Amino acid sequence: MIGRGERENTSKDRQRLAVLRLCPPPVGAFDDLANGRAVVVTTYKRDGTAVPTRVSAVVDNDHAYFRTWSATGTVKRLRRDPRVLIAPSTSRGKPVGSEIAATARLSAPDEEQPVREALSAKYPIPQARLVLLVHRLRHYDPVHYELRIR
């Protein structure tokens, strides 16, 4: 008998639990980022002012990756200073976890395909379709960055 406020497990709940058992959560410094949908990457201006930017990121062991386009302020700041702080965030970019000090590195063209596929798998509609369509329509060159813990 189901009490008040409780509900019966549906087949969808059972499927979700089966997937969680098959795919244990990742272990490492990027655990909070791997499980979240959004990440805040904080870069620094020349005068040292921190500039937070919300991005979609994927995690692969002890590396995290994100995509942006080549003309953004984030790319310009990263060219000058690769030091960043990263933290899980809400979809609006408000940090919800502790920050991690990391270093950003521009991925080489031959390293981009696995990152594209991982972003498309984790974010099927926005990253696989919308972002690439906007980049193509506006003639933006997408770039991918690798984040490593300092």
N, C-alpha and C. Protein backbone atom coordinates (compact mmCIF):
# COMPACT_ATOMS: atom_id res chain seq x y z
N MET A 1 0.84 -1.17 0.00
CA MET A 1 0.00 0.00 0.00
C MET A 1 0.89 1.24 0.00
N ILE A 2 0.53 2.22 -0.78
CA ILE A 2 1.30 3.44 -0.92
C ILE A 2 0.75 4.49 0.02
N GLY A 3 1.65 5.05 0.84
CA GLY A 3 1.25 6.08 1.79
C GLY A 3 1.14 7.44 1.13
N ARG A 4 0.71 8.39 1.93
CA ARG A 4 0.55 9.74 1.42
C ARG A 4 1.90 10.34 1.04
N GLY A 5 2.01 10.99 -0.11
CA GLY A 5 3.25 11.59 -0.56
C GLY A 5 4.20 10.62 -1.23
N GLU A 6 3.85 9.34 -1.25
CA GLU A 6 4.69 8.36 -1.92
C GLU A 6 4.05 8.00 -3.25
N ARG A 7 4.87 7.47 -4.12
CA ARG A 7 4.33 7.02 -5.39
C ARG A 7 4.97 5.71 -5.76
N GLU A 8 4.30 4.98 -6.60
CA GLU A 8 4.79 3.69 -7.02
C GLU A 8 5.91 3.87 -8.05
N ASN A 9 6.90 3.00 -8.02
CA ASN A 9 7.98 3.06 -9.02
C ASN A 9 7.41 2.75 -10.39
N THR A 10 7.65 3.62 -11.33
CA THR A 10 7.20 3.39 -12.69
C THR A 10 8.30 2.72 -13.48
N SER A 11 7.97 2.30 -14.68
CA SER A 11 8.99 1.65 -15.51
C SER A 11 10.11 2.64 -15.84
N LYS A 12 9.76 3.94 -15.98
CA LYS A 12 10.77 4.96 -16.26
C LYS A 12 11.76 5.06 -15.09
N ASP A 13 11.24 5.02 -13.85
CA ASP A 13 12.11 5.05 -12.68
C ASP A 13 13.03 3.83 -12.65
N ARG A 14 12.48 2.67 -12.97
CA ARG A 14 13.30 1.45 -12.97
C ARG A 14 14.39 1.52 -14.04
N GLN A 15 14.06 2.08 -15.21
CA GLN A 15 15.07 2.23 -16.25
C GLN A 15 16.18 3.18 -15.81
N ARG A 16 15.79 4.28 -15.18
CA ARG A 16 16.78 5.26 -14.72
C ARG A 16 17.71 4.62 -13.69
N LEU A 17 17.15 3.83 -12.77
CA LEU A 17 17.98 3.16 -11.77
C LEU A 17 18.91 2.15 -12.41
N ALA A 18 18.44 1.44 -13.43
CA ALA A 18 19.29 0.47 -14.12
C ALA A 18 20.45 1.16 -14.82
N VAL A 19 20.20 2.30 -15.43
CA VAL A 19 21.27 3.05 -16.09
C VAL A 19 22.28 3.53 -15.07
N LEU A 20 21.81 4.01 -13.92
CA LEU A 20 22.72 4.49 -12.89
C LEU A 20 23.59 3.36 -12.35
N ARG A 21 23.04 2.16 -12.26
CA ARG A 21 23.85 1.03 -11.79
C ARG A 21 24.90 0.65 -12.83
N LEU A 22 24.55 0.74 -14.13
CA LEU A 22 25.49 0.39 -15.18
C LEU A 22 26.57 1.44 -15.37
N CYS A 23 26.23 2.70 -15.16
CA CYS A 23 27.16 3.80 -15.37
C CYS A 23 27.43 4.50 -14.04
N PRO A 24 28.38 4.01 -13.26
CA PRO A 24 28.66 4.66 -11.98
C PRO A 24 29.16 6.08 -12.21
N PRO A 25 28.95 6.97 -11.24
CA PRO A 25 29.41 8.34 -11.41
C PRO A 25 30.92 8.40 -11.56
N PRO A 26 31.43 9.37 -12.32
CA PRO A 26 32.87 9.49 -12.51
C PRO A 26 33.58 9.85 -11.21
N VAL A 27 34.81 9.40 -11.08
CA VAL A 27 35.60 9.69 -9.90
C VAL A 27 36.69 10.67 -10.29
N GLY A 28 36.87 11.70 -9.51
CA GLY A 28 37.92 12.67 -9.81
C GLY A 28 37.53 14.06 -9.36
N ALA A 29 38.35 15.00 -9.71
CA ALA A 29 38.14 16.38 -9.28
C ALA A 29 36.97 17.04 -9.98
N PHE A 30 36.61 16.55 -11.15
CA PHE A 30 35.53 17.16 -11.92
C PHE A 30 34.17 16.50 -11.68
N ASP A 31 34.00 15.78 -10.58
CA ASP A 31 32.74 15.07 -10.32
C ASP A 31 31.52 15.99 -10.39
N ASP A 32 31.60 17.14 -9.74
CA ASP A 32 30.47 18.06 -9.72
C ASP A 32 30.15 18.57 -11.12
N LEU A 33 31.16 18.75 -11.93
CA LEU A 33 30.95 19.26 -13.28
C LEU A 33 30.35 18.19 -14.19
N ALA A 34 30.77 16.95 -14.00
CA ALA A 34 30.31 15.87 -14.86
C ALA A 34 28.81 15.62 -14.68
N ASN A 35 28.33 15.79 -13.48
CA ASN A 35 26.92 15.50 -13.20
C ASN A 35 26.00 16.67 -13.48
N GLY A 36 26.54 17.87 -13.63
CA GLY A 36 25.71 19.05 -13.85
C GLY A 36 25.49 19.34 -15.33
N ARG A 37 24.58 20.25 -15.60
CA ARG A 37 24.27 20.63 -16.98
C ARG A 37 25.03 21.88 -17.43
N ALA A 38 25.43 22.71 -16.49
CA ALA A 38 26.10 23.96 -16.85
C ALA A 38 27.30 24.19 -15.96
N VAL A 39 28.24 24.96 -16.48
CA VAL A 39 29.49 25.25 -15.77
C VAL A 39 29.79 26.73 -15.94
N VAL A 40 30.34 27.33 -14.89
CA VAL A 40 30.82 28.71 -15.00
C VAL A 40 32.33 28.66 -15.12
N VAL A 41 32.85 29.25 -16.18
CA VAL A 41 34.29 29.38 -16.39
C VAL A 41 34.63 30.84 -16.13
N THR A 42 35.47 31.09 -15.14
CA THR A 42 35.86 32.45 -14.80
C THR A 42 37.24 32.72 -15.38
N THR A 43 37.31 33.70 -16.28
CA THR A 43 38.57 34.13 -16.88
C THR A 43 38.92 35.50 -16.31
N TYR A 44 40.12 35.99 -16.65
CA TYR A 44 40.59 37.24 -16.06
C TYR A 44 40.97 38.27 -17.12
N LYS A 45 40.53 39.50 -16.90
CA LYS A 45 40.91 40.62 -17.76
C LYS A 45 42.35 41.01 -17.46
N ARG A 46 42.88 41.93 -18.26
CA ARG A 46 44.26 42.40 -18.05
C ARG A 46 44.45 43.03 -16.68
N ASP A 47 43.41 43.72 -16.19
CA ASP A 47 43.54 44.38 -14.88
C ASP A 47 43.26 43.43 -13.72
N GLY A 48 43.02 42.14 -14.01
CA GLY A 48 42.80 41.16 -12.96
C GLY A 48 41.36 40.94 -12.58
N THR A 49 40.44 41.66 -13.19
CA THR A 49 39.02 41.51 -12.90
C THR A 49 38.53 40.16 -13.41
N ALA A 50 37.80 39.44 -12.56
CA ALA A 50 37.26 38.14 -12.93
C ALA A 50 36.00 38.32 -13.78
N VAL A 51 35.87 37.50 -14.84
CA VAL A 51 34.71 37.56 -15.72
C VAL A 51 34.12 36.14 -15.81
N PRO A 52 32.99 35.88 -15.15
CA PRO A 52 32.38 34.56 -15.23
C PRO A 52 31.57 34.40 -16.51
N THR A 53 31.67 33.21 -17.12
CA THR A 53 30.92 32.90 -18.34
C THR A 53 30.32 31.52 -18.20
N ARG A 54 29.04 31.40 -18.47
CA ARG A 54 28.37 30.11 -18.41
C ARG A 54 28.63 29.35 -19.70
N VAL A 55 29.06 28.10 -19.59
CA VAL A 55 29.31 27.26 -20.76
C VAL A 55 28.75 25.87 -20.50
N SER A 56 28.60 25.10 -21.56
CA SER A 56 28.25 23.69 -21.46
C SER A 56 29.55 22.91 -21.57
N ALA A 57 29.78 22.01 -20.63
CA ALA A 57 31.06 21.29 -20.61
C ALA A 57 30.82 19.79 -20.50
N VAL A 58 31.79 19.05 -20.98
CA VAL A 58 31.80 17.60 -20.81
C VAL A 58 33.09 17.23 -20.08
N VAL A 59 33.03 16.13 -19.34
CA VAL A 59 34.18 15.70 -18.55
C VAL A 59 34.64 14.34 -19.04
N ASP A 60 35.94 14.18 -19.17
CA ASP A 60 36.55 12.91 -19.53
C ASP A 60 37.71 12.68 -18.56
N ASN A 61 37.47 11.85 -17.56
CA ASN A 61 38.45 11.56 -16.50
C ASN A 61 38.89 12.84 -15.79
N ASP A 62 40.16 13.23 -15.96
CA ASP A 62 40.66 14.42 -15.27
C ASP A 62 40.73 15.64 -16.18
N HIS A 63 39.96 15.64 -17.27
CA HIS A 63 39.90 16.77 -18.19
C HIS A 63 38.44 17.17 -18.38
N ALA A 64 38.22 18.45 -18.59
CA ALA A 64 36.89 18.94 -18.98
C ALA A 64 37.07 19.71 -20.28
N TYR A 65 36.03 19.74 -21.08
CA TYR A 65 36.10 20.41 -22.38
C TYR A 65 34.87 21.29 -22.56
N PHE A 66 35.04 22.42 -23.25
CA PHE A 66 33.90 23.25 -23.62
C PHE A 66 34.14 23.88 -24.97
N ARG A 67 33.03 24.34 -25.59
CA ARG A 67 33.08 24.94 -26.92
C ARG A 67 32.61 26.39 -26.84
N THR A 68 33.25 27.23 -27.61
CA THR A 68 32.82 28.61 -27.77
C THR A 68 33.21 29.01 -29.19
N TRP A 69 33.01 30.23 -29.58
CA TRP A 69 33.47 30.63 -30.90
C TRP A 69 34.66 31.56 -30.78
N SER A 70 35.41 31.67 -31.87
CA SER A 70 36.74 32.27 -31.83
C SER A 70 36.77 33.77 -31.56
N ALA A 71 35.66 34.48 -31.69
CA ALA A 71 35.67 35.93 -31.52
C ALA A 71 35.14 36.38 -30.14
N THR A 72 34.91 35.47 -29.23
CA THR A 72 34.36 35.86 -27.93
C THR A 72 35.41 36.48 -27.03
N GLY A 73 34.94 37.21 -26.04
CA GLY A 73 35.84 37.79 -25.04
C GLY A 73 36.55 36.70 -24.26
N THR A 74 35.87 35.58 -24.04
CA THR A 74 36.49 34.47 -23.31
C THR A 74 37.75 33.99 -24.03
N VAL A 75 37.67 33.83 -25.33
CA VAL A 75 38.82 33.38 -26.11
C VAL A 75 39.95 34.41 -26.05
N LYS A 76 39.59 35.67 -26.17
CA LYS A 76 40.61 36.72 -26.11
C LYS A 76 41.32 36.72 -24.76
N ARG A 77 40.54 36.56 -23.68
CA ARG A 77 41.15 36.54 -22.34
C ARG A 77 41.99 35.29 -22.14
N LEU A 78 41.53 34.15 -22.67
CA LEU A 78 42.29 32.90 -22.52
C LEU A 78 43.59 32.91 -23.31
N ARG A 79 43.63 33.62 -24.42
CA ARG A 79 44.88 33.75 -25.17
C ARG A 79 45.95 34.43 -24.33
N ARG A 80 45.53 35.40 -23.54
CA ARG A 80 46.46 36.17 -22.73
C ARG A 80 46.80 35.46 -21.42
N ASP A 81 45.79 34.86 -20.79
CA ASP A 81 45.98 34.23 -19.48
C ASP A 81 45.16 32.94 -19.40
N PRO A 82 45.79 31.76 -19.46
CA PRO A 82 45.05 30.50 -19.48
C PRO A 82 44.51 30.05 -18.11
N ARG A 83 44.79 30.81 -17.05
CA ARG A 83 44.29 30.42 -15.73
C ARG A 83 42.78 30.69 -15.65
N VAL A 84 42.03 29.70 -15.14
CA VAL A 84 40.59 29.86 -14.99
C VAL A 84 40.15 29.25 -13.66
N LEU A 85 38.96 29.63 -13.25
CA LEU A 85 38.26 28.97 -12.15
C LEU A 85 37.00 28.37 -12.77
N ILE A 86 36.69 27.13 -12.41
CA ILE A 86 35.49 26.51 -12.93
C ILE A 86 34.64 26.01 -11.78
N ALA A 87 33.32 26.08 -11.95
CA ALA A 87 32.39 25.66 -10.92
C ALA A 87 31.09 25.22 -11.58
N PRO A 88 30.39 24.25 -10.98
CA PRO A 88 29.06 23.90 -11.49
C PRO A 88 28.13 25.09 -11.28
N SER A 89 27.13 25.21 -12.14
CA SER A 89 26.24 26.36 -12.04
C SER A 89 24.82 26.00 -12.45
N THR A 90 23.93 26.96 -12.24
CA THR A 90 22.58 26.84 -12.74
C THR A 90 22.60 27.13 -14.24
N SER A 91 21.48 26.93 -14.90
CA SER A 91 21.43 27.21 -16.34
C SER A 91 21.60 28.69 -16.64
N ARG A 92 21.41 29.55 -15.65
CA ARG A 92 21.60 30.98 -15.83
C ARG A 92 23.00 31.45 -15.47
N GLY A 93 23.86 30.54 -15.00
CA GLY A 93 25.25 30.90 -14.72
C GLY A 93 25.56 31.25 -13.28
N LYS A 94 24.64 30.97 -12.36
CA LYS A 94 24.91 31.23 -10.94
C LYS A 94 25.65 30.02 -10.35
N PRO A 95 26.87 30.20 -9.84
CA PRO A 95 27.63 29.07 -9.28
C PRO A 95 26.88 28.40 -8.13
N VAL A 96 26.89 27.07 -8.14
CA VAL A 96 26.21 26.31 -7.09
C VAL A 96 27.15 25.36 -6.35
N GLY A 97 28.42 25.39 -6.68
CA GLY A 97 29.38 24.52 -6.03
C GLY A 97 30.70 25.23 -5.84
N SER A 98 31.66 24.48 -5.34
CA SER A 98 32.97 25.08 -5.10
C SER A 98 33.74 25.25 -6.41
N GLU A 99 34.58 26.27 -6.44
CA GLU A 99 35.38 26.56 -7.63
C GLU A 99 36.64 25.71 -7.63
N ILE A 100 37.08 25.36 -8.82
CA ILE A 100 38.30 24.58 -9.01
C ILE A 100 39.25 25.39 -9.87
N ALA A 101 40.49 25.54 -9.44
CA ALA A 101 41.49 26.25 -10.25
C ALA A 101 41.96 25.32 -11.36
N ALA A 102 41.95 25.82 -12.58
CA ALA A 102 42.34 25.01 -13.74
C ALA A 102 43.11 25.86 -14.75
N THR A 103 43.64 25.17 -15.73
CA THR A 103 44.33 25.81 -16.85
C THR A 103 43.62 25.41 -18.13
N ALA A 104 43.36 26.39 -19.00
CA ALA A 104 42.69 26.13 -20.27
C ALA A 104 43.71 26.04 -21.38
N ARG A 105 43.47 25.10 -22.30
CA ARG A 105 44.34 24.94 -23.46
C ARG A 105 43.47 24.78 -24.69
N LEU A 106 43.77 25.53 -25.74
CA LEU A 106 43.04 25.42 -27.00
C LEU A 106 43.32 24.06 -27.61
N SER A 107 42.26 23.32 -27.92
CA SER A 107 42.42 21.99 -28.50
C SER A 107 42.88 22.09 -29.94
N ALA A 108 43.72 21.17 -30.35
CA ALA A 108 44.18 21.11 -31.74
C ALA A 108 43.03 20.62 -32.62
N PRO A 109 43.04 20.96 -33.90
CA PRO A 109 41.96 20.53 -34.79
C PRO A 109 41.73 19.02 -34.81
N ASP A 110 42.79 18.22 -34.68
CA ASP A 110 42.60 16.77 -34.69
C ASP A 110 42.03 16.24 -33.37
N GLU A 111 42.01 17.05 -32.32
CA GLU A 111 41.45 16.65 -31.03
C GLU A 111 39.99 17.06 -30.87
N GLU A 112 39.45 17.81 -31.82
CA GLU A 112 38.12 18.38 -31.67
C GLU A 112 36.98 17.40 -31.90
N GLN A 113 37.14 16.41 -32.76
CA GLN A 113 36.04 15.51 -33.10
C GLN A 113 35.48 14.77 -31.89
N PRO A 114 36.31 14.17 -31.03
CA PRO A 114 35.75 13.50 -29.85
C PRO A 114 35.01 14.47 -28.92
N VAL A 115 35.50 15.70 -28.83
CA VAL A 115 34.85 16.70 -27.98
C VAL A 115 33.49 17.07 -28.58
N ARG A 116 33.44 17.26 -29.89
CA ARG A 116 32.16 17.54 -30.56
C ARG A 116 31.14 16.44 -30.30
N GLU A 117 31.58 15.21 -30.44
CA GLU A 117 30.69 14.07 -30.23
C GLU A 117 30.21 13.98 -28.79
N ALA A 118 31.11 14.23 -27.84
CA ALA A 118 30.73 14.18 -26.43
C ALA A 118 29.74 15.29 -26.08
N LEU A 119 29.97 16.50 -26.59
CA LEU A 119 29.03 17.61 -26.35
C LEU A 119 27.67 17.31 -26.98
N SER A 120 27.67 16.76 -28.18
CA SER A 120 26.41 16.43 -28.85
C SER A 120 25.66 15.32 -28.12
N ALA A 121 26.39 14.39 -27.52
CA ALA A 121 25.74 13.31 -26.78
C ALA A 121 25.15 13.81 -25.47
N LYS A 122 25.86 14.67 -24.77
CA LYS A 122 25.37 15.16 -23.48
C LYS A 122 24.27 16.21 -23.64
N TYR A 123 24.38 17.05 -24.66
CA TYR A 123 23.41 18.12 -24.91
C TYR A 123 22.88 17.96 -26.33
N PRO A 124 21.98 17.00 -26.58
CA PRO A 124 21.59 16.68 -27.96
C PRO A 124 20.97 17.84 -28.73
N ILE A 125 20.10 18.59 -28.14
CA ILE A 125 19.43 19.67 -28.90
C ILE A 125 20.30 20.92 -28.96
N PRO A 126 20.74 21.48 -27.82
CA PRO A 126 21.47 22.74 -27.94
C PRO A 126 22.81 22.61 -28.64
N GLN A 127 23.63 21.66 -28.25
CA GLN A 127 24.99 21.59 -28.80
C GLN A 127 25.04 20.88 -30.15
N ALA A 128 24.20 19.90 -30.35
CA ALA A 128 24.26 19.15 -31.61
C ALA A 128 23.57 19.90 -32.75
N ARG A 129 22.59 20.73 -32.42
CA ARG A 129 21.84 21.39 -33.48
C ARG A 129 21.90 22.91 -33.43
N LEU A 130 21.41 23.47 -32.34
CA LEU A 130 21.25 24.93 -32.28
C LEU A 130 22.56 25.70 -32.34
N VAL A 131 23.51 25.33 -31.51
CA VAL A 131 24.78 26.06 -31.46
C VAL A 131 25.51 25.96 -32.80
N LEU A 132 25.57 24.77 -33.36
CA LEU A 132 26.26 24.61 -34.64
C LEU A 132 25.54 25.36 -35.76
N LEU A 133 24.21 25.39 -35.73
CA LEU A 133 23.45 26.14 -36.73
C LEU A 133 23.73 27.64 -36.62
N VAL A 134 23.70 28.17 -35.40
CA VAL A 134 23.99 29.59 -35.21
C VAL A 134 25.42 29.91 -35.64
N HIS A 135 26.35 29.06 -35.29
CA HIS A 135 27.75 29.28 -35.70
C HIS A 135 27.86 29.32 -37.22
N ARG A 136 27.17 28.39 -37.88
CA ARG A 136 27.24 28.34 -39.34
C ARG A 136 26.59 29.57 -39.97
N LEU A 137 25.41 29.96 -39.46
CA LEU A 137 24.70 31.11 -40.03
C LEU A 137 25.44 32.43 -39.83
N ARG A 138 26.10 32.57 -38.71
CA ARG A 138 26.82 33.81 -38.41
C ARG A 138 28.29 33.76 -38.80
N HIS A 139 28.69 32.65 -39.42
CA HIS A 139 30.07 32.46 -39.88
C HIS A 139 31.08 32.52 -38.73
N TYR A 140 30.70 31.92 -37.59
CA TYR A 140 31.60 31.82 -36.45
C TYR A 140 32.47 30.58 -36.61
N ASP A 141 33.68 30.65 -36.14
CA ASP A 141 34.55 29.49 -36.10
C ASP A 141 34.52 28.92 -34.69
N PRO A 142 33.94 27.72 -34.50
CA PRO A 142 33.92 27.15 -33.15
C PRO A 142 35.31 26.70 -32.73
N VAL A 143 35.63 26.90 -31.46
CA VAL A 143 36.89 26.44 -30.89
C VAL A 143 36.57 25.65 -29.63
N HIS A 144 37.41 24.71 -29.31
CA HIS A 144 37.21 23.85 -28.14
C HIS A 144 38.40 24.03 -27.20
N TYR A 145 38.10 24.09 -25.93
CA TYR A 145 39.15 24.24 -24.92
C TYR A 145 39.15 23.04 -23.99
N GLU A 146 40.35 22.63 -23.61
CA GLU A 146 40.54 21.58 -22.63
C GLU A 146 40.89 22.23 -21.30
N LEU A 147 40.25 21.79 -20.23
CA LEU A 147 40.53 22.32 -18.90
C LEU A 147 41.21 21.23 -18.07
N ARG A 148 42.34 21.59 -17.45
CA ARG A 148 43.06 20.68 -16.56
C ARG A 148 43.24 21.33 -15.22
N ILE A 149 43.20 20.54 -14.18
CA ILE A 149 43.39 21.04 -12.83
C ILE A 149 44.82 21.55 -12.66
N ARG A 150 44.94 22.70 -12.01
CA ARG A 150 46.28 23.24 -11.73
C ARG A 150 46.87 22.57 -10.53
